N, C-alpha and C. Protein backbone atom coordinates (compact mmCIF):
# COMPACT_ATOMS: atom_id res chain seq x y z
N MET A 1 -56.41 154.89 74.64
CA MET A 1 -57.34 154.69 75.72
C MET A 1 -57.66 153.20 75.82
N GLN A 2 -57.82 152.73 77.07
CA GLN A 2 -58.16 151.33 77.27
C GLN A 2 -59.22 151.22 78.37
N THR A 3 -60.24 150.44 78.13
CA THR A 3 -61.23 150.11 79.13
C THR A 3 -61.31 148.61 79.21
N ASN A 4 -62.25 148.07 79.96
CA ASN A 4 -62.34 146.61 80.02
C ASN A 4 -62.93 146.02 78.74
N TRP A 5 -63.40 146.88 77.81
CA TRP A 5 -63.85 146.30 76.53
C TRP A 5 -63.42 147.14 75.32
N LYS A 6 -62.42 147.98 75.47
CA LYS A 6 -61.90 148.73 74.33
C LYS A 6 -60.40 148.95 74.49
N ILE A 7 -59.66 148.71 73.43
CA ILE A 7 -58.23 148.94 73.39
C ILE A 7 -57.91 149.70 72.13
N ILE A 8 -57.10 150.75 72.25
CA ILE A 8 -56.55 151.42 71.08
C ILE A 8 -55.05 151.10 71.03
N GLU A 9 -54.63 150.41 70.02
CA GLU A 9 -53.24 150.02 69.89
C GLU A 9 -52.40 151.22 69.45
N GLU A 10 -51.09 151.11 69.60
CA GLU A 10 -50.20 152.20 69.26
C GLU A 10 -50.35 152.71 67.83
N ASP A 11 -50.71 151.84 66.91
CA ASP A 11 -50.88 152.25 65.51
C ASP A 11 -52.28 152.83 65.24
N GLY A 12 -53.10 152.96 66.28
CA GLY A 12 -54.45 153.52 66.11
C GLY A 12 -55.54 152.48 65.88
N THR A 13 -55.17 151.21 65.73
CA THR A 13 -56.18 150.14 65.57
C THR A 13 -57.06 150.08 66.81
N VAL A 14 -58.37 150.02 66.61
CA VAL A 14 -59.30 149.96 67.71
C VAL A 14 -59.87 148.54 67.82
N LEU A 15 -59.78 147.99 69.00
CA LEU A 15 -60.34 146.66 69.30
C LEU A 15 -61.42 146.81 70.34
N VAL A 16 -62.53 146.13 70.17
CA VAL A 16 -63.60 146.09 71.17
C VAL A 16 -63.92 144.66 71.53
N LYS A 17 -64.30 144.43 72.77
CA LYS A 17 -64.72 143.13 73.21
C LYS A 17 -66.21 142.98 72.88
N VAL A 18 -66.52 141.99 72.06
CA VAL A 18 -67.89 141.72 71.63
C VAL A 18 -68.36 140.46 72.31
N ILE A 19 -69.58 140.47 72.84
CA ILE A 19 -70.14 139.34 73.55
C ILE A 19 -71.21 138.62 72.71
N GLY A 20 -71.59 137.45 73.20
CA GLY A 20 -72.75 136.75 72.64
C GLY A 20 -72.48 135.96 71.38
N PHE A 21 -71.22 135.58 71.11
CA PHE A 21 -70.94 134.72 69.97
C PHE A 21 -71.57 133.35 70.24
N PRO A 22 -72.11 132.70 69.21
CA PRO A 22 -72.80 131.44 69.44
C PRO A 22 -71.86 130.34 69.95
N ALA A 23 -72.39 129.51 70.83
CA ALA A 23 -71.68 128.34 71.30
C ALA A 23 -72.60 127.15 71.11
N PRO A 24 -72.57 126.59 69.88
CA PRO A 24 -73.57 125.57 69.49
C PRO A 24 -73.63 124.33 70.38
N ASP A 25 -72.55 123.96 71.02
CA ASP A 25 -72.58 122.74 71.80
C ASP A 25 -73.27 122.91 73.14
N GLY A 26 -73.61 124.14 73.53
CA GLY A 26 -74.35 124.38 74.76
C GLY A 26 -73.47 124.37 76.02
N GLU A 27 -72.15 124.25 75.87
CA GLU A 27 -71.27 124.25 77.04
C GLU A 27 -71.29 125.58 77.79
N VAL A 28 -71.38 126.65 77.04
CA VAL A 28 -71.41 128.00 77.62
C VAL A 28 -72.55 128.78 76.99
N ALA A 29 -72.97 129.86 77.65
CA ALA A 29 -74.07 130.64 77.14
C ALA A 29 -73.70 131.43 75.89
N GLY A 30 -72.43 131.77 75.74
CA GLY A 30 -71.96 132.52 74.58
C GLY A 30 -70.52 132.91 74.82
N GLU A 31 -69.81 133.10 73.77
CA GLU A 31 -68.39 133.42 73.83
C GLU A 31 -68.19 134.93 73.60
N SER A 32 -67.12 135.50 74.19
CA SER A 32 -66.79 136.88 73.88
C SER A 32 -65.39 136.90 73.25
N MET A 33 -65.22 137.85 72.32
CA MET A 33 -63.95 137.92 71.59
C MET A 33 -63.58 139.35 71.25
N TRP A 34 -62.27 139.56 71.04
CA TRP A 34 -61.79 140.87 70.59
C TRP A 34 -62.05 141.00 69.09
N VAL A 35 -62.56 142.15 68.71
CA VAL A 35 -62.88 142.45 67.29
C VAL A 35 -62.20 143.75 66.89
N GLU A 36 -61.49 143.73 65.78
CA GLU A 36 -60.89 144.95 65.24
C GLU A 36 -61.93 145.67 64.41
N ILE A 37 -62.24 146.90 64.78
CA ILE A 37 -63.29 147.67 64.08
C ILE A 37 -62.78 148.04 62.68
N ILE A 38 -63.56 147.68 61.66
CA ILE A 38 -63.30 148.03 60.27
C ILE A 38 -64.17 149.20 59.85
N ASN A 39 -65.42 149.18 60.31
CA ASN A 39 -66.37 150.25 59.96
C ASN A 39 -67.37 150.40 61.11
N GLY A 40 -67.69 151.64 61.44
CA GLY A 40 -68.69 151.88 62.48
C GLY A 40 -68.07 152.49 63.75
N THR A 41 -68.74 152.26 64.86
CA THR A 41 -68.34 152.82 66.15
C THR A 41 -67.97 151.69 67.12
N ASP A 42 -67.65 152.06 68.34
CA ASP A 42 -67.39 151.07 69.40
C ASP A 42 -68.62 150.22 69.72
N ASN A 43 -69.80 150.76 69.43
CA ASN A 43 -71.04 150.12 69.80
C ASN A 43 -71.77 149.39 68.68
N ASP A 44 -71.58 149.81 67.44
CA ASP A 44 -72.26 149.23 66.29
C ASP A 44 -71.33 149.30 65.08
N GLY A 45 -71.15 148.17 64.41
CA GLY A 45 -70.30 148.23 63.20
C GLY A 45 -69.94 146.85 62.70
N THR A 46 -68.86 146.82 61.92
CA THR A 46 -68.30 145.57 61.41
C THR A 46 -66.85 145.50 61.77
N GLY A 47 -66.34 144.31 61.90
CA GLY A 47 -64.96 144.11 62.25
C GLY A 47 -64.52 142.69 62.05
N THR A 48 -63.22 142.48 62.24
CA THR A 48 -62.65 141.12 62.10
C THR A 48 -62.23 140.58 63.44
N LEU A 49 -62.43 139.27 63.61
CA LEU A 49 -62.07 138.61 64.85
C LEU A 49 -60.55 138.67 65.03
N ARG A 50 -60.12 139.02 66.23
CA ARG A 50 -58.68 139.12 66.53
C ARG A 50 -58.23 138.07 67.50
N ASN A 51 -59.08 137.11 67.85
CA ASN A 51 -58.63 135.95 68.57
C ASN A 51 -59.35 134.72 68.04
N SER A 52 -58.87 133.57 68.40
CA SER A 52 -59.42 132.33 67.88
C SER A 52 -60.54 131.83 68.77
N PRO A 53 -61.72 131.62 68.23
CA PRO A 53 -62.83 131.13 69.01
C PRO A 53 -62.57 129.72 69.56
N VAL A 54 -63.10 129.43 70.72
CA VAL A 54 -62.95 128.13 71.33
C VAL A 54 -64.25 127.31 71.12
N PHE A 55 -65.39 127.97 71.24
CA PHE A 55 -66.66 127.26 71.24
C PHE A 55 -67.44 127.37 69.94
N SER A 56 -67.26 128.46 69.18
CA SER A 56 -68.05 128.62 67.97
C SER A 56 -67.29 128.11 66.76
N GLY A 57 -67.97 128.07 65.63
CA GLY A 57 -67.37 127.63 64.38
C GLY A 57 -66.68 128.75 63.62
N LEU A 58 -66.59 129.94 64.22
CA LEU A 58 -65.93 131.07 63.58
C LEU A 58 -64.42 130.90 63.64
N CYS A 59 -63.70 131.71 62.85
CA CYS A 59 -62.23 131.64 62.79
C CYS A 59 -61.61 133.00 62.94
N PHE A 60 -60.37 133.04 63.39
CA PHE A 60 -59.58 134.24 63.46
C PHE A 60 -59.67 134.94 62.09
N GLY A 61 -59.96 136.25 62.10
CA GLY A 61 -60.04 137.01 60.85
C GLY A 61 -61.40 137.07 60.20
N ASP A 62 -62.37 136.30 60.69
CA ASP A 62 -63.72 136.34 60.11
C ASP A 62 -64.31 137.73 60.29
N LEU A 63 -65.06 138.18 59.30
CA LEU A 63 -65.75 139.47 59.32
C LEU A 63 -67.10 139.29 59.95
N ILE A 64 -67.39 140.10 60.99
CA ILE A 64 -68.68 140.01 61.69
C ILE A 64 -69.32 141.35 61.81
N ARG A 65 -70.62 141.35 62.11
CA ARG A 65 -71.34 142.58 62.40
C ARG A 65 -71.73 142.52 63.87
N PHE A 66 -71.55 143.64 64.60
CA PHE A 66 -71.88 143.73 66.00
C PHE A 66 -72.70 144.96 66.27
N GLY A 67 -73.41 144.98 67.42
CA GLY A 67 -74.24 146.14 67.72
C GLY A 67 -74.83 146.10 69.09
N HIS A 68 -75.66 147.09 69.37
CA HIS A 68 -76.43 147.24 70.63
C HIS A 68 -75.56 147.52 71.84
N GLY A 69 -74.34 148.03 71.64
CA GLY A 69 -73.52 148.42 72.77
C GLY A 69 -73.86 149.83 73.21
N ASN A 70 -73.39 150.19 74.41
CA ASN A 70 -73.53 151.54 74.90
C ASN A 70 -72.44 151.80 75.92
N ASP A 71 -72.54 152.88 76.67
CA ASP A 71 -71.48 153.24 77.62
C ASP A 71 -71.33 152.25 78.78
N THR A 72 -72.37 151.45 79.02
CA THR A 72 -72.32 150.50 80.14
C THR A 72 -72.40 149.03 79.73
N GLU A 73 -72.69 148.79 78.46
CA GLU A 73 -72.82 147.39 78.00
C GLU A 73 -71.97 147.15 76.73
N LYS A 74 -71.31 146.00 76.71
CA LYS A 74 -70.49 145.65 75.56
C LYS A 74 -71.41 145.40 74.38
N PRO A 75 -70.87 145.61 73.15
CA PRO A 75 -71.65 145.28 71.96
C PRO A 75 -71.80 143.76 71.83
N LYS A 76 -72.86 143.36 71.09
CA LYS A 76 -73.18 141.95 70.92
C LYS A 76 -72.94 141.51 69.48
N TYR A 77 -72.55 140.28 69.32
CA TYR A 77 -72.43 139.64 68.00
C TYR A 77 -73.79 139.62 67.34
N LEU A 78 -73.88 140.04 66.09
CA LEU A 78 -75.17 140.01 65.36
C LEU A 78 -75.14 138.95 64.27
N GLU A 79 -74.07 138.93 63.46
CA GLU A 79 -74.00 137.94 62.37
C GLU A 79 -72.59 137.94 61.75
N THR A 80 -72.35 136.85 61.05
CA THR A 80 -71.11 136.78 60.25
C THR A 80 -71.42 137.38 58.89
N VAL A 81 -70.50 138.18 58.40
CA VAL A 81 -70.68 138.85 57.11
C VAL A 81 -69.96 137.98 56.05
N THR A 82 -70.72 137.61 55.02
CA THR A 82 -70.12 136.78 53.96
C THR A 82 -69.91 137.66 52.72
N ALA A 83 -68.88 137.32 51.99
CA ALA A 83 -68.55 138.10 50.77
C ALA A 83 -69.49 137.80 49.64
């Protein structure tokens, strides 16, 4: 299944578009990125970044926590998870 903010790849990997990543330089209000869900649901959970950020200091593969999504709103970036 695919929507404008969810993709299920052929191998079953689920990606969701997460909004609100920080953009410290103030050029944009916030960045949105594809996140591979590791734990949780499409609306709340943890996952790894599947694209390279342009505006934030995050990197491809970083583990993040996202939440507050629903059937009509994309989930939002909450924090970077550190080991």
